[in-house]
Protein backbone atom coordinates (compact mmCIF):
# COMPACT_ATOMS: atom_id res chain seq x y z
CA MET A 1 -0.21 -13.15 -4.85
CA PRO A 2 -3.15 -11.88 -6.87
CA HIS A 3 -2.48 -9.49 -9.73
CA LYS A 4 -5.64 -7.47 -9.45
CA PRO A 5 -6.45 -3.80 -9.00
CA MET A 6 -6.42 -2.36 -5.49
CA SER A 7 -9.27 -0.19 -4.29
CA PHE A 8 -8.62 2.75 -2.01
CA THR A 9 -10.08 0.79 0.92
CA GLU A 10 -7.68 -2.08 0.19
CA TYR A 11 -4.83 0.46 -0.06
CA ARG A 12 -5.72 1.86 3.35
CA ALA A 13 -5.99 -1.63 4.86
CA ALA A 14 -2.65 -2.68 3.36
CA CYS A 15 -0.93 0.38 4.79
CA LYS A 16 -2.48 -0.30 8.19
CA GLN A 17 -1.23 -3.92 8.08
CA LEU A 18 2.26 -2.60 7.45
CA GLY A 19 2.02 -0.02 10.23
CA LEU A 20 2.07 2.87 7.75
CA SER A 21 -0.11 5.94 7.60
CA PRO A 22 -1.88 5.74 4.21
CA SER A 23 -1.26 9.42 3.52
CA TYR A 24 2.13 10.11 5.10
CA SER A 25 4.50 7.34 6.14
CA ALA A 26 3.47 5.19 3.17
CA ALA A 27 4.80 7.79 0.73
CA PRO A 28 8.54 7.31 1.33
CA ALA A 29 8.13 3.55 1.71
CA LEU A 30 6.48 3.39 -1.71
CA GLY A 31 8.65 6.03 -3.38
CA ILE A 32 5.73 8.38 -4.02
CA SER A 33 4.82 11.88 -2.89
CA GLN A 34 2.59 12.50 0.10
CA VAL A 35 0.07 14.12 -2.25
CA THR A 36 -0.09 10.95 -4.36
CA ALA A 37 -0.40 8.76 -1.26
CA ALA A 38 -3.24 10.96 0.00
CA ARG A 39 -4.98 10.66 -3.37
CA TYR A 40 -4.74 6.86 -3.27
CA SER A 41 -6.03 6.90 0.30
CA SER A 42 -9.03 9.08 -0.51
CA GLY A 43 -9.88 7.32 -3.75
CA THR A 44 -9.31 10.38 -5.92
CA ALA A 45 -6.53 8.55 -7.77
CA ILE A 46 -6.40 4.92 -8.85
CA VAL A 47 -3.75 2.79 -7.14
CA PRO A 48 -1.49 1.66 -10.00
CA MET A 49 -0.71 -2.03 -10.38
CA PRO A 50 3.00 -1.64 -9.45
CA VAL A 51 2.05 0.04 -6.16
CA ALA A 52 -0.56 -2.62 -5.44
CA LEU A 53 1.97 -5.37 -6.15
CA LEU A 54 4.59 -3.70 -3.96
CA LEU A 55 2.17 -3.39 -1.04
CA ARG A 56 1.03 -7.00 -1.40
CA THR A 57 4.65 -8.17 -1.57
CA MET A 58 5.56 -6.13 1.51
CA ILE A 59 2.63 -7.71 3.41
CA GLU A 60 3.67 -11.20 2.32
CA LEU A 61 7.26 -10.58 3.44
CA LYS A 62 6.04 -9.27 6.78
CA LYS A 63 3.96 -12.43 7.24
CA GLN A 64 6.98 -14.60 6.45
CA GLU A 65 9.11 -12.69 8.96
CA THR A 66 6.59 -13.23 11.74
CA ARG A 67 6.48 -16.98 11.03
CA LYS A 68 10.19 -17.32 11.81
């Protein structure tokens, strides 16, 4: 898993892959407020590394589940 920054477009794509709305349903899944999620989604706030790592980990786990 790469440890690199996540752009807002990557954030939106990651949420979509997980079946989450980037501004709303992602918030509780990531433990953040809806305002913060909306800021990540719009690019007005930088996606912090822990959030990027969590999203990438969630995607990887989802991939592993579908391989079973």
